[in-house]
Amino acid sequence: MFYERIKELRTSLGLNQVQFGKKISVSKQCISNWESGYIQPSIDMLIRIAETFSVSTDYLLGLNDKPTLDVEGLTNEQILHIRAVIDDIRGQKERQ
């Protein structure tokens, strides 16, 4: 499950393996091995990946299907705006 989630998150941000590797200070080969399921990251690296994508480690590991969104440091008004955008996107999907 991890290898699917990391690839999905990486591509959703429009990053290739080299770009993502630079972002978290690992090689393209390391990213490729994770996404192929050949190796698993260390616990420290798993935490770094979760922080980079603003998701929980449980989500990355497939223990939880709910990605989270870190809104720390935002005002209540900004959080409400984000919620409105999410609700709008959900409404668009329902109308399709």
PDB file of N, CA and C in Angstrom:
ATOM      1  N   MET A   1       0.813  -1.188   0.000  1.00  0.00           N
ATOM      2  CA  MET A   1       0.000   0.000   0.000  1.00  0.00           C
ATOM      3  C   MET A   1       0.865   1.263   0.000  1.00  0.00           C
ATOM      4  N   PHE A   2       1.955   1.241   0.758  1.00  0.00           N
ATOM      5  CA  PHE A   2       2.824   2.414   0.836  1.00  0.00           C
ATOM      6  C   PHE A   2       3.281   2.851  -0.549  1.00  0.00           C
ATOM      7  N   TYR A   3       3.744   1.884  -1.350  1.00  0.00           N
ATOM      8  CA  TYR A   3       4.301   2.246  -2.653  1.00  0.00           C
ATOM      9  C   TYR A   3       3.251   2.908  -3.548  1.00  0.00           C
ATOM     10  N   GLU A   4       1.984   2.489  -3.412  1.00  0.00           N
ATOM     11  CA  GLU A   4       0.927   3.114  -4.205  1.00  0.00           C
ATOM     12  C   GLU A   4       0.648   4.539  -3.724  1.00  0.00           C
ATOM     13  N   ARG A   5       0.605   4.701  -2.419  1.00  0.00           N
ATOM     14  CA  ARG A   5       0.290   6.018  -1.854  1.00  0.00           C
ATOM     15  C   ARG A   5       1.376   7.038  -2.172  1.00  0.00           C
ATOM     16  N   ILE A   6       2.628   6.637  -2.023  1.00  0.00           N
ATOM     17  CA  ILE A   6       3.707   7.614  -2.242  1.00  0.00           C
ATOM     18  C   ILE A   6       3.737   8.060  -3.708  1.00  0.00           C
ATOM     19  N   LYS A   7       3.526   7.126  -4.611  1.00  0.00           N
ATOM     20  CA  LYS A   7       3.521   7.492  -6.032  1.00  0.00           C
ATOM     21  C   LYS A   7       2.333   8.390  -6.353  1.00  0.00           C
ATOM     22  N   GLU A   8       1.175   8.062  -5.814  1.00  0.00           N
ATOM     23  CA  GLU A   8      -0.026   8.867  -6.029  1.00  0.00           C
ATOM     24  C   GLU A   8       0.167  10.290  -5.518  1.00  0.00           C
ATOM     25  N   LEU A   9       0.708  10.415  -4.327  1.00  0.00           N
ATOM     26  CA  LEU A   9       0.927  11.741  -3.749  1.00  0.00           C
ATOM     27  C   LEU A   9       1.975  12.524  -4.535  1.00  0.00           C
ATOM     28  N   ARG A  10       3.052  11.852  -4.908  1.00  0.00           N
ATOM     29  CA  ARG A  10       4.122  12.512  -5.660  1.00  0.00           C
ATOM     30  C   ARG A  10       3.597  13.048  -6.983  1.00  0.00           C
ATOM     31  N   THR A  11       2.879  12.207  -7.723  1.00  0.00           N
ATOM     32  CA  THR A  11       2.386  12.639  -9.036  1.00  0.00           C
ATOM     33  C   THR A  11       1.290  13.695  -8.912  1.00  0.00           C
ATOM     34  N   SER A  12       0.515  13.653  -7.823  1.00  0.00           N
ATOM     35  CA  SER A  12      -0.533  14.664  -7.643  1.00  0.00           C
ATOM     36  C   SER A  12       0.065  16.057  -7.467  1.00  0.00           C
ATOM     37  N   LEU A  13       1.307  16.111  -6.985  1.00  0.00           N
ATOM     38  CA  LEU A  13       1.996  17.398  -6.853  1.00  0.00           C
ATOM     39  C   LEU A  13       2.792  17.752  -8.106  1.00  0.00           C
ATOM     40  N   GLY A  14       2.746  16.877  -9.107  1.00  0.00           N
ATOM     41  CA  GLY A  14       3.454  17.137 -10.355  1.00  0.00           C
ATOM     42  C   GLY A  14       4.962  16.968 -10.240  1.00  0.00           C
ATOM     43  N   LEU A  15       5.399  16.162  -9.277  1.00  0.00           N
ATOM     44  CA  LEU A  15       6.834  15.943  -9.074  1.00  0.00           C
ATOM     45  C   LEU A  15       7.268  14.631  -9.716  1.00  0.00           C
ATOM     46  N   ASN A  16       8.431  14.658 -10.378  1.00  0.00           N
ATOM     47  CA  ASN A  16       9.001  13.392 -10.817  1.00  0.00           C
ATOM     48  C   ASN A  16       9.849  12.837  -9.671  1.00  0.00           C
ATOM     49  N   GLN A  17      10.396  11.648  -9.859  1.00  0.00           N
ATOM     50  CA  GLN A  17      11.153  11.009  -8.784  1.00  0.00           C
ATOM     51  C   GLN A  17      12.389  11.809  -8.389  1.00  0.00           C
ATOM     52  N   VAL A  18      13.049  12.409  -9.343  1.00  0.00           N
ATOM     53  CA  VAL A  18      14.243  13.207  -9.055  1.00  0.00           C
ATOM     54  C   VAL A  18      13.871  14.422  -8.207  1.00  0.00           C
ATOM     55  N   GLN A  19      12.819  15.119  -8.589  1.00  0.00           N
ATOM     56  CA  GLN A  19      12.385  16.309  -7.849  1.00  0.00           C
ATOM     57  C   GLN A  19      11.967  15.960  -6.429  1.00  0.00           C
ATOM     58  N   PHE A  20      11.205  14.883  -6.289  1.00  0.00           N
ATOM     59  CA  PHE A  20      10.774  14.484  -4.954  1.00  0.00           C
ATOM     60  C   PHE A  20      11.968  14.055  -4.114  1.00  0.00           C
ATOM     61  N   GLY A  21      12.904  13.334  -4.729  1.00  0.00           N
ATOM     62  CA  GLY A  21      14.111  12.914  -4.018  1.00  0.00           C
ATOM     63  C   GLY A  21      14.896  14.102  -3.488  1.00  0.00           C
ATOM     64  N   LYS A  22      15.037  15.134  -4.308  1.00  0.00           N
ATOM     65  CA  LYS A  22      15.744  16.340  -3.862  1.00  0.00           C
ATOM     66  C   LYS A  22      15.016  17.002  -2.704  1.00  0.00           C
ATOM     67  N   LYS A  23      13.695  16.985  -2.755  1.00  0.00           N
ATOM     68  CA  LYS A  23      12.883  17.624  -1.722  1.00  0.00           C
ATOM     69  C   LYS A  23      13.099  16.976  -0.355  1.00  0.00           C
ATOM     70  N   ILE A  24      13.328  15.645  -0.337  1.00  0.00           N
ATOM     71  CA  ILE A  24      13.508  14.953   0.939  1.00  0.00           C
ATOM     72  C   ILE A  24      14.931  14.418   1.114  1.00  0.00           C
ATOM     73  N   SER A  25      15.835  14.832   0.236  1.00  0.00           N
ATOM     74  CA  SER A  25      17.272  14.509   0.328  1.00  0.00           C
ATOM     75  C   SER A  25      17.590  13.026   0.193  1.00  0.00           C
ATOM     76  N   VAL A  26      16.972  12.387  -0.809  1.00  0.00           N
ATOM     77  CA  VAL A  26      17.324  11.007  -1.149  1.00  0.00           C
ATOM     78  C   VAL A  26      17.469  10.916  -2.665  1.00  0.00           C
ATOM     79  N   SER A  27      18.019   9.817  -3.126  1.00  0.00           N
ATOM     80  CA  SER A  27      18.247   9.645  -4.562  1.00  0.00           C
ATOM     81  C   SER A  27      16.984   9.217  -5.294  1.00  0.00           C
ATOM     82  N   LYS A  28      16.995   9.401  -6.607  1.00  0.00           N
ATOM     83  CA  LYS A  28      15.901   8.933  -7.453  1.00  0.00           C
ATOM     84  C   LYS A  28      15.745   7.435  -7.295  1.00  0.00           C
ATOM     85  N   GLN A  29      16.872   6.724  -7.203  1.00  0.00           N
ATOM     86  CA  GLN A  29      16.843   5.270  -7.066  1.00  0.00           C
ATOM     87  C   GLN A  29      16.102   4.853  -5.795  1.00  0.00           C
ATOM     88  N   CYS A  30      16.299   5.595  -4.736  1.00  0.00           N
ATOM     89  CA  CYS A  30      15.609   5.316  -3.477  1.00  0.00           C
ATOM     90  C   CYS A  30      14.102   5.470  -3.660  1.00  0.00           C
ATOM     91  N   ILE A  31      13.676   6.551  -4.296  1.00  0.00           N
ATOM     92  CA  ILE A  31      12.255   6.775  -4.560  1.00  0.00           C
ATOM     93  C   ILE A  31      11.712   5.650  -5.436  1.00  0.00           C
ATOM     94  N   SER A  32      12.452   5.303  -6.458  1.00  0.00           N
ATOM     95  CA  SER A  32      12.040   4.228  -7.350  1.00  0.00           C
ATOM     96  C   SER A  32      11.875   2.907  -6.603  1.00  0.00           C
ATOM     97  N   ASN A  33      12.806   2.605  -5.718  1.00  0.00           N
ATOM     98  CA  ASN A  33      12.718   1.364  -4.934  1.00  0.00           C
ATOM     99  C   ASN A  33      11.504   1.369  -4.008  1.00  0.00           C
ATOM    100  N   TRP A  34      11.201   2.516  -3.411  1.00  0.00           N
ATOM    101  CA  TRP A  34      10.012   2.611  -2.555  1.00  0.00           C
ATOM    102  C   TRP A  34       8.751   2.391  -3.378  1.00  0.00           C
ATOM    103  N   GLU A  35       8.687   3.072  -4.532  1.00  0.00           N
ATOM    104  CA  GLU A  35       7.488   2.996  -5.364  1.00  0.00           C
ATOM    105  C   GLU A  35       7.317   1.631  -6.018  1.00  0.00           C
ATOM    106  N   SER A  36       8.379   0.879  -6.140  1.00  0.00           N
ATOM    107  CA  SER A  36       8.310  -0.473  -6.688  1.00  0.00           C
ATOM    108  C   SER A  36       8.039  -1.509  -5.605  1.00  0.00           C
ATOM    109  N   GLY A  37       8.119  -1.086  -4.359  1.00  0.00           N
ATOM    110  CA  GLY A  37       7.895  -1.994  -3.254  1.00  0.00           C
ATOM    111  C   GLY A  37       9.096  -2.858  -2.907  1.00  0.00           C
ATOM    112  N   TYR A  38      10.279  -2.502  -3.438  1.00  0.00           N
ATOM    113  CA  TYR A  38      11.484  -3.287  -3.164  1.00  0.00           C
ATOM    114  C   TYR A  38      12.018  -3.054  -1.750  1.00  0.00           C
ATOM    115  N   ILE A  39      11.915  -1.818  -1.288  1.00  0.00           N
ATOM    116  CA  ILE A  39      12.381  -1.493   0.060  1.00  0.00           C
ATOM    117  C   ILE A  39      11.375  -0.572   0.729  1.00  0.00           C
ATOM    118  N   GLN A  40      11.467  -0.474   2.035  1.00  0.00           N
ATOM    119  CA  GLN A  40      10.624   0.428   2.817  1.00  0.00           C
ATOM    120  C   GLN A  40      11.522   1.500   3.435  1.00  0.00           C
ATOM    121  N   PRO A  41      10.993   2.696   3.620  1.00  0.00           N
ATOM    122  CA  PRO A  41      11.798   3.750   4.240  1.00  0.00           C
ATOM    123  C   PRO A  41      11.956   3.504   5.739  1.00  0.00           C
ATOM    124  N   SER A  42      12.964   4.124   6.308  1.00  0.00           N
ATOM    125  CA  SER A  42      13.131   4.088   7.762  1.00  0.00           C
ATOM    126  C   SER A  42      11.977   4.846   8.407  1.00  0.00           C
ATOM    127  N   ILE A  43      11.814   4.675   9.692  1.00  0.00           N
ATOM    128  CA  ILE A  43      10.761   5.384  10.407  1.00  0.00           C
ATOM    129  C   ILE A  43      10.968   6.895  10.295  1.00  0.00           C
ATOM    130  N   ASP A  44      12.213   7.344  10.450  1.00  0.00           N
ATOM    131  CA  ASP A  44      12.490   8.773  10.329  1.00  0.00           C
ATOM    132  C   ASP A  44      12.112   9.304   8.946  1.00  0.00           C
ATOM    133  N   MET A  45      12.426   8.518   7.919  1.00  0.00           N
ATOM    134  CA  MET A  45      12.109   8.940   6.553  1.00  0.00           C
ATOM    135  C   MET A  45      10.600   8.894   6.316  1.00  0.00           C
ATOM    136  N   LEU A  46       9.923   7.912   6.885  1.00  0.00           N
ATOM    137  CA  LEU A  46       8.469   7.830   6.762  1.00  0.00           C
ATOM    138  C   LEU A  46       7.818   9.090   7.328  1.00  0.00           C
ATOM    139  N   ILE A  47       8.309   9.544   8.452  1.00  0.00           N
ATOM    140  CA  ILE A  47       7.801  10.770   9.070  1.00  0.00           C
ATOM    141  C   ILE A  47       8.081  11.969   8.164  1.00  0.00           C
ATOM    142  N   ARG A  48       9.268  12.029   7.602  1.00  0.00           N
ATOM    143  CA  ARG A  48       9.615  13.144   6.698  1.00  0.00           C
ATOM    144  C   ARG A  48       8.701  13.154   5.468  1.00  0.00           C
ATOM    145  N   ILE A  49       8.424  11.980   4.923  1.00  0.00           N
ATOM    146  CA  ILE A  49       7.543  11.883   3.757  1.00  0.00           C
ATOM    147  C   ILE A  49       6.136  12.350   4.128  1.00  0.00           C
ATOM    148  N   ALA A  50       5.637  11.896   5.277  1.00  0.00           N
ATOM    149  CA  ALA A  50       4.304  12.295   5.731  1.00  0.00           C
ATOM    150  C   ALA A  50       4.232  13.804   5.906  1.00  0.00           C
ATOM    151  N   GLU A  51       5.248  14.384   6.488  1.00  0.00           N
ATOM    152  CA  GLU A  51       5.273  15.840   6.678  1.00  0.00           C
ATOM    153  C   GLU A  51       5.323  16.570   5.339  1.00  0.00           C
ATOM    154  N   THR A  52       6.088  16.046   4.398  1.00  0.00           N
ATOM    155  CA  THR A  52       6.201  16.667   3.083  1.00  0.00           C
ATOM    156  C   THR A  52       4.856  16.703   2.369  1.00  0.00           C
ATOM    157  N   PHE A  53       4.102  15.608   2.470  1.00  0.00           N
ATOM    158  CA  PHE A  53       2.807  15.525   1.799  1.00  0.00           C
ATOM    159  C   PHE A  53       1.644  15.983   2.682  1.00  0.00           C
ATOM    160  N   SER A  54       1.927  16.355   3.934  1.00  0.00           N
ATOM    161  CA  SER A  54       0.890  16.770   4.886  1.00  0.00           C
ATOM    162  C   SER A  54      -0.185  15.700   5.060  1.00  0.00           C
ATOM    163  N   VAL A  55       0.272  14.455   5.209  1.00  0.00           N
ATOM    164  CA  VAL A  55      -0.627  13.336   5.488  1.00  0.00           C
ATOM    165  C   VAL A  55      -0.101  12.599   6.717  1.00  0.00           C
ATOM    166  N   SER A  56      -0.904  11.710   7.266  1.00  0.00           N
ATOM    167  CA  SER A  56      -0.452  10.929   8.414  1.00  0.00           C
ATOM    168  C   SER A  56       0.368   9.724   7.949  1.00  0.00           C
ATOM    169  N   THR A  57       1.183   9.227   8.843  1.00  0.00           N
ATOM    170  CA  THR A  57       1.927   8.002   8.525  1.00  0.00           C
ATOM    171  C   THR A  57       0.955   6.843   8.361  1.00  0.00           C
ATOM    172  N   ASP A  58      -0.136   6.847   9.114  1.00  0.00           N
ATOM    173  CA  ASP A  58      -1.159   5.810   8.955  1.00  0.00           C
ATOM    174  C   ASP A  58      -1.707   5.812   7.528  1.00  0.00           C
ATOM    175  N   TYR A  59      -1.908   6.994   6.966  1.00  0.00           N
ATOM    176  CA  TYR A  59      -2.395   7.079   5.589  1.00  0.00           C
ATOM    177  C   TYR A  59      -1.360   6.500   4.629  1.00  0.00           C
ATOM    178  N   LEU A  60      -0.106   6.868   4.800  1.00  0.00           N
ATOM    179  CA  LEU A  60       0.941   6.345   3.920  1.00  0.00           C
ATOM    180  C   LEU A  60       1.030   4.825   3.975  1.00  0.00           C
ATOM    181  N   LEU A  61       0.842   4.270   5.165  1.00  0.00           N
ATOM    182  CA  LEU A  61       0.966   2.827   5.357  1.00  0.00           C
ATOM    183  C   LEU A  61      -0.311   2.062   5.027  1.00  0.00           C
ATOM    184  N   GLY A  62      -1.363   2.779   4.690  1.00  0.00           N
ATOM    185  CA  GLY A  62      -2.609   2.120   4.333  1.00  0.00           C
ATOM    186  C   GLY A  62      -3.453   1.706   5.523  1.00  0.00           C
ATOM    187  N   LEU A  63      -3.133   2.218   6.704  1.00  0.00           N
ATOM    188  CA  LEU A  63      -3.906   1.889   7.904  1.00  0.00           C
ATOM    189  C   LEU A  63      -5.148   2.764   8.030  1.00  0.00           C
ATOM    190  N   ASN A  64      -5.173   3.839   7.264  1.00  0.00           N
ATOM    191  CA  ASN A  64      -6.264   4.799   7.308  1.00  0.00           C
ATOM    192  C   ASN A  64      -6.436   5.327   5.893  1.00  0.00           C
ATOM    193  N   ASP A  65      -7.652   5.407   5.422  1.00  0.00           N
ATOM    194  CA  ASP A  65      -7.897   5.887   4.060  1.00  0.00           C
ATOM    195  C   ASP A  65      -8.212   7.368   3.983  1.00  0.00           C
ATOM    196  N   LYS A  66      -8.081   8.058   5.108  1.00  0.00           N
ATOM    197  CA  LYS A  66      -8.412   9.474   5.130  1.00  0.00           C
ATOM    198  C   LYS A  66      -7.147  10.326   5.150  1.00  0.00           C
ATOM    199  N   PRO A  67      -6.816  10.945   4.022  1.00  0.00           N
ATOM    200  CA  PRO A  67      -5.678  11.866   4.048  1.00  0.00           C
ATOM    201  C   PRO A  67      -6.053  13.079   4.888  1.00  0.00           C
ATOM    202  N   THR A  68      -5.077  13.686   5.498  1.00  0.00           N
ATOM    203  CA  THR A  68      -5.338  14.856   6.327  1.00  0.00           C
ATOM    204  C   THR A  68      -4.744  16.089   5.665  1.00  0.00           C
ATOM    205  N   LEU A  69      -5.154  17.210   6.139  1.00  0.00           N
ATOM    206  CA  LEU A  69      -4.641  18.476   5.633  1.00  0.00           C
ATOM    207  C   LEU A  69      -4.180  19.289   6.826  1.00  0.00           C
ATOM    208  N   ASP A  70      -2.920  19.650   6.830  1.00  0.00           N
ATOM    209  CA  ASP A  70      -2.367  20.420   7.940  1.00  0.00           C
ATOM    210  C   ASP A  70      -2.742  21.883   7.772  1.00  0.00           C
ATOM    211  N   VAL A  71      -3.546  22.388   8.692  1.00  0.00           N
ATOM    212  CA  VAL A  71      -3.972  23.778   8.633  1.00  0.00           C
ATOM    213  C   VAL A  71      -3.377  24.607   9.764  1.00  0.00           C
ATOM    214  N   GLU A  72      -2.364  24.058  10.406  1.00  0.00           N
ATOM    215  CA  GLU A  72      -1.715  24.776  11.503  1.00  0.00           C
ATOM    216  C   GLU A  72      -1.173  26.114  11.009  1.00  0.00           C
ATOM    217  N   GLY A  73      -1.417  27.128  11.787  1.00  0.00           N
ATOM    218  CA  GLY A  73      -0.910  28.458  11.450  1.00  0.00           C
ATOM    219  C   GLY A  73      -1.864  29.270  10.593  1.00  0.00           C
ATOM    220  N   LEU A  74      -2.963  28.655  10.134  1.00  0.00           N
ATOM    221  CA  LEU A  74      -3.934  29.399   9.342  1.00  0.00           C
ATOM    222  C   LEU A  74      -4.993  29.993  10.262  1.00  0.00           C
ATOM    223  N   THR A  75      -5.563  31.066   9.812  1.00  0.00           N
ATOM    224  CA  THR A  75      -6.647  31.680  10.580  1.00  0.00           C
ATOM    225  C   THR A  75      -7.926  30.882  10.370  1.00  0.00           C
ATOM    226  N   ASN A  76      -8.902  31.098  11.242  1.00  0.00           N
ATOM    227  CA  ASN A  76     -10.201  30.444  11.080  1.00  0.00           C
ATOM    228  C   ASN A  76     -10.829  30.802   9.740  1.00  0.00           C
ATOM    229  N   GLU A  77     -10.671  32.027   9.330  1.00  0.00           N
ATOM    230  CA  GLU A  77     -11.214  32.468   8.043  1.00  0.00           C
ATOM    231  C   GLU A  77     -10.565  31.693   6.894  1.00  0.00           C
ATOM    232  N   GLN A  78      -9.253  31.512   6.948  1.00  0.00           N
ATOM    233  CA  GLN A  78      -8.564  30.755   5.905  1.00  0.00           C
ATOM    234  C   GLN A  78      -9.003  29.289   5.896  1.00  0.00           C
ATOM    235  N   ILE A  79      -9.180  28.700   7.073  1.00  0.00           N
ATOM    236  CA  ILE A  79      -9.633  27.315   7.170  1.00  0.00           C
ATOM    237  C   ILE A  79     -11.047  27.179   6.585  1.00  0.00           C
ATOM    238  N   LEU A  80     -11.917  28.129   6.893  1.00  0.00           N
ATOM    239  CA  LEU A  80     -13.267  28.095   6.338  1.00  0.00           C
ATOM    240  C   LEU A  80     -13.243  28.216   4.820  1.00  0.00           C
ATOM    241  N   HIS A  81     -12.346  29.024   4.302  1.00  0.00           N
ATOM    242  CA  HIS A  81     -12.204  29.169   2.857  1.00  0.00           C
ATOM    243  C   HIS A  81     -11.786  27.830   2.227  1.00  0.00           C
ATOM    244  N   ILE A  82     -10.831  27.156   2.843  1.00  0.00           N
ATOM    245  CA  ILE A  82     -10.376  25.850   2.343  1.00  0.00           C
ATOM    246  C   ILE A  82     -11.533  24.847   2.376  1.00  0.00           C
ATOM    247  N   ARG A  83     -12.286  24.847   3.464  1.00  0.00           N
ATOM    248  CA  ARG A  83     -13.446  23.946   3.554  1.00  0.00           C
ATOM    249  C   ARG A  83     -14.443  24.231   2.442  1.00  0.00           C
ATOM    250  N   ALA A  84     -14.667  25.497   2.147  1.00  0.00           N
ATOM    251  CA  ALA A  84     -15.605  25.864   1.079  1.00  0.00           C
ATOM    252  C   ALA A  84     -15.115  25.353  -0.271  1.00  0.00           C
ATOM    253  N   VAL A  85     -13.829  25.460  -0.523  1.00  0.00           N
ATOM    254  CA  VAL A  85     -13.259  24.961  -1.776  1.00  0.00           C
ATOM    255  C   VAL A  85     -13.440  23.437  -1.858  1.00  0.00           C
ATOM    256  N   ILE A  86     -13.173  22.743  -0.775  1.00  0.00           N
ATOM    257  CA  ILE A  86     -13.338  21.283  -0.743  1.00  0.00           C
ATOM    258  C   ILE A  86     -14.795  20.914  -0.990  1.00  0.00           C
ATOM    259  N   ASP A  87     -15.704  21.600  -0.337  1.00  0.00           N
ATOM    260  CA  ASP A  87     -17.125  21.326  -0.539  1.00  0.00           C
ATOM    261  C   ASP A  87     -17.535  21.573  -1.983  1.00  0.00           C
ATOM    262  N   ASP A  88     -16.997  22.626  -2.582  1.00  0.00           N
ATOM    263  CA  ASP A  88     -17.285  22.932  -3.981  1.00  0.00           C
ATOM    264  C   ASP A  88     -16.780  21.814  -4.892  1.00  0.00           C
ATOM    265  N   ILE A  89     -15.585  21.336  -4.639  1.00  0.00           N
ATOM    266  CA  ILE A  89     -15.022  20.249  -5.447  1.00  0.00           C
ATOM    267  C   ILE A  89     -15.856  18.982  -5.298  1.00  0.00           C
ATOM    268  N   ARG A  90     -16.256  18.672  -4.081  1.00  0.00           N
ATOM    269  CA  ARG A  90     -17.119  17.499  -3.846  1.00  0.00           C
ATOM    270  C   ARG A  90     -18.440  17.644  -4.605  1.00  0.00           C
ATOM    271  N   GLY A  91     -19.000  18.835  -4.600  1.00  0.00           N
ATOM    272  CA  GLY A  91     -20.241  19.078  -5.314  1.00  0.00           C
ATOM    273  C   GLY A  91     -20.086  18.891  -6.807  1.00  0.00           C
ATOM    274  N   GLN A  92     -18.941  19.288  -7.356  1.00  0.00           N
ATOM    275  CA  GLN A  92     -18.672  19.104  -8.773  1.00  0.00           C
ATOM    276  C   GLN A  92     -18.626  17.623  -9.131  1.00  0.00           C
ATOM    277  N   LYS A  93     -18.009  16.811  -8.268  1.00  0.00           N
ATOM    278  CA  LYS A  93     -17.929  15.374  -8.515  1.00  0.00           C
ATOM    279  C   LYS A  93     -19.313  14.742  -8.509  1.00  0.00           C
ATOM    280  N   GLU A  94     -20.173  15.191  -7.596  1.00  0.00           N
ATOM    281  CA  GLU A  94     -21.516  14.628  -7.488  1.00  0.00           C
ATOM    282  C   GLU A  94     -22.353  14.973  -8.708  1.00  0.00           C
ATOM    283  N   ARG A  95     -22.113  16.135  -9.303  1.00  0.00           N
ATOM    284  CA  ARG A  95     -22.882  16.578 -10.454  1.00  0.00           C
ATOM    285  C   ARG A  95     -22.442  15.878 -11.750  1.00  0.00           C
ATOM    286  N   GLN A  96     -21.277  15.262 -11.734  1.00  0.00           N
ATOM    287  CA  GLN A  96     -20.746  14.640 -12.971  1.00  0.00           C
ATOM    288  C   GLN A  96     -21.369  13.314 -13.256  1.00  0.00           C
TER     289      GLN A  96
END
